[in-house]
C-alpha atoms as a PDB file:
ATOM      1  CA  UNK A   1       2.295  20.265   3.296  1.00  0.00           C
ATOM      2  CA  UNK A   2      -1.433  19.725   3.642  1.00  0.00           C
ATOM      3  CA  UNK A   3      -3.137  16.983   5.647  1.00  0.00           C
ATOM      4  CA  UNK A   4      -6.228  17.292   3.462  1.00  0.00           C
ATOM      5  CA  UNK A   5      -7.434  13.807   2.488  1.00  0.00           C
ATOM      6  CA  UNK A   6      -8.730  15.130  -0.817  1.00  0.00           C
ATOM      7  CA  UNK A   7      -5.075  15.370  -1.893  1.00  0.00           C
ATOM      8  CA  UNK A   8      -4.396  11.698  -1.127  1.00  0.00           C
ATOM      9  CA  UNK A   9      -4.870   9.098  -3.854  1.00  0.00           C
ATOM     10  CA  UNK A  10      -5.806   5.671  -2.531  1.00  0.00           C
ATOM     11  CA  UNK A  11      -5.093   2.455  -4.420  1.00  0.00           C
ATOM     12  CA  UNK A  12      -6.730  -0.950  -4.174  1.00  0.00           C
ATOM     13  CA  UNK A  13      -4.720  -4.011  -3.186  1.00  0.00           C
ATOM     14  CA  UNK A  14      -4.898  -5.212  -6.799  1.00  0.00           C
ATOM     15  CA  UNK A  15      -3.510  -1.892  -8.074  1.00  0.00           C
ATOM     16  CA  UNK A  16      -0.677  -1.998  -5.525  1.00  0.00           C
ATOM     17  CA  UNK A  17       0.153  -5.591  -6.473  1.00  0.00           C
ATOM     18  CA  UNK A  18       0.290  -4.602 -10.138  1.00  0.00           C
ATOM     19  CA  UNK A  19       2.534  -1.601  -9.434  1.00  0.00           C
ATOM     20  CA  UNK A  20       4.904  -3.628  -7.276  1.00  0.00           C
ATOM     21  CA  UNK A  21       4.739  -6.710  -9.520  1.00  0.00           C
ATOM     22  CA  UNK A  22       3.848  -8.997  -6.625  1.00  0.00           C
ATOM     23  CA  UNK A  23       0.770 -11.036  -5.746  1.00  0.00           C
ATOM     24  CA  UNK A  24      -2.217  -9.601  -3.905  1.00  0.00           C
ATOM     25  CA  UNK A  25      -1.410 -11.966  -1.021  1.00  0.00           C
ATOM     26  CA  UNK A  26       2.026 -10.346  -0.681  1.00  0.00           C
ATOM     27  CA  UNK A  27       0.372  -6.929  -0.444  1.00  0.00           C
ATOM     28  CA  UNK A  28      -2.042  -8.230   2.214  1.00  0.00           C
ATOM     29  CA  UNK A  29       0.926  -9.631   4.187  1.00  0.00           C
ATOM     30  CA  UNK A  30       2.702  -6.270   3.988  1.00  0.00           C
ATOM     31  CA  UNK A  31      -0.442  -4.479   5.183  1.00  0.00           C
ATOM     32  CA  UNK A  32      -1.033  -6.875   8.076  1.00  0.00           C
ATOM     33  CA  UNK A  33       2.624  -6.756   9.172  1.00  0.00           C
ATOM     34  CA  UNK A  34       2.561  -2.950   9.204  1.00  0.00           C
ATOM     35  CA  UNK A  35       5.184  -2.717   6.472  1.00  0.00           C
ATOM     36  CA  UNK A  36       2.679  -0.956   4.213  1.00  0.00           C
ATOM     37  CA  UNK A  37       0.152   1.454   5.767  1.00  0.00           C
ATOM     38  CA  UNK A  38      -3.463   1.029   4.699  1.00  0.00           C
ATOM     39  CA  UNK A  39      -6.954   2.122   5.617  1.00  0.00           C
ATOM     40  CA  UNK A  40      -9.782  -0.342   5.854  1.00  0.00           C
ATOM     41  CA  UNK A  41     -13.023   0.537   4.078  1.00  0.00           C
ATOM     42  CA  UNK A  42     -15.619  -2.055   4.954  1.00  0.00           C
ATOM     43  CA  UNK A  43     -14.082  -5.383   3.992  1.00  0.00           C
ATOM     44  CA  UNK A  44     -11.406  -3.969   1.693  1.00  0.00           C
ATOM     45  CA  UNK A  45      -8.150  -2.082   2.151  1.00  0.00           C
ATOM     46  CA  UNK A  46      -6.951   1.076   0.434  1.00  0.00           C
ATOM     47  CA  UNK A  47      -3.289   2.039   0.376  1.00  0.00           C
ATOM     48  CA  UNK A  48      -2.088   5.634  -0.038  1.00  0.00           C
ATOM     49  CA  UNK A  49      -0.176   5.972  -3.305  1.00  0.00           C
ATOM     50  CA  UNK A  50       2.566   7.867  -1.456  1.00  0.00           C
ATOM     51  CA  UNK A  51       3.137   4.826   0.810  1.00  0.00           C
ATOM     52  CA  UNK A  52       3.600   2.572  -2.224  1.00  0.00           C
ATOM     53  CA  UNK A  53       6.052   5.062  -3.730  1.00  0.00           C
ATOM     54  CA  UNK A  54       8.004   5.153  -0.457  1.00  0.00           C
ATOM     55  CA  UNK A  55       8.275   1.366  -0.313  1.00  0.00           C
ATOM     56  CA  UNK A  56       9.380   1.205  -3.930  1.00  0.00           C
ATOM     57  CA  UNK A  57      11.989   3.942  -3.289  1.00  0.00           C
ATOM     58  CA  UNK A  58      13.461   2.391  -0.162  1.00  0.00           C
ATOM     59  CA  UNK A  59      13.015  -1.246  -1.121  1.00  0.00           C
ATOM     60  CA  UNK A  60      11.807  -4.069   1.029  1.00  0.00           C
ATOM     61  CA  UNK A  61      14.389  -5.882   3.128  1.00  0.00           C
ATOM     62  CA  UNK A  62      12.436  -9.094   3.670  1.00  0.00           C
ATOM     63  CA  UNK A  63       9.407 -10.087   1.602  1.00  0.00           C
ATOM     64  CA  UNK A  64       8.588 -13.595   2.589  1.00  0.00           C
END
């Protein structure tokens, strides 16, 4: 398993919201609560696609 960042695909908050079928605000809440890991680039966040897949696989116990 490589830690090379070139292998990681990052998604925008809008892309994550679309994949999860939730609002962008819900994604921001998940990022700020630590439920969904993200990296901040300037004023925007990018979420690793693998983190989104993990959340979708395991489910979210409490969203809201």
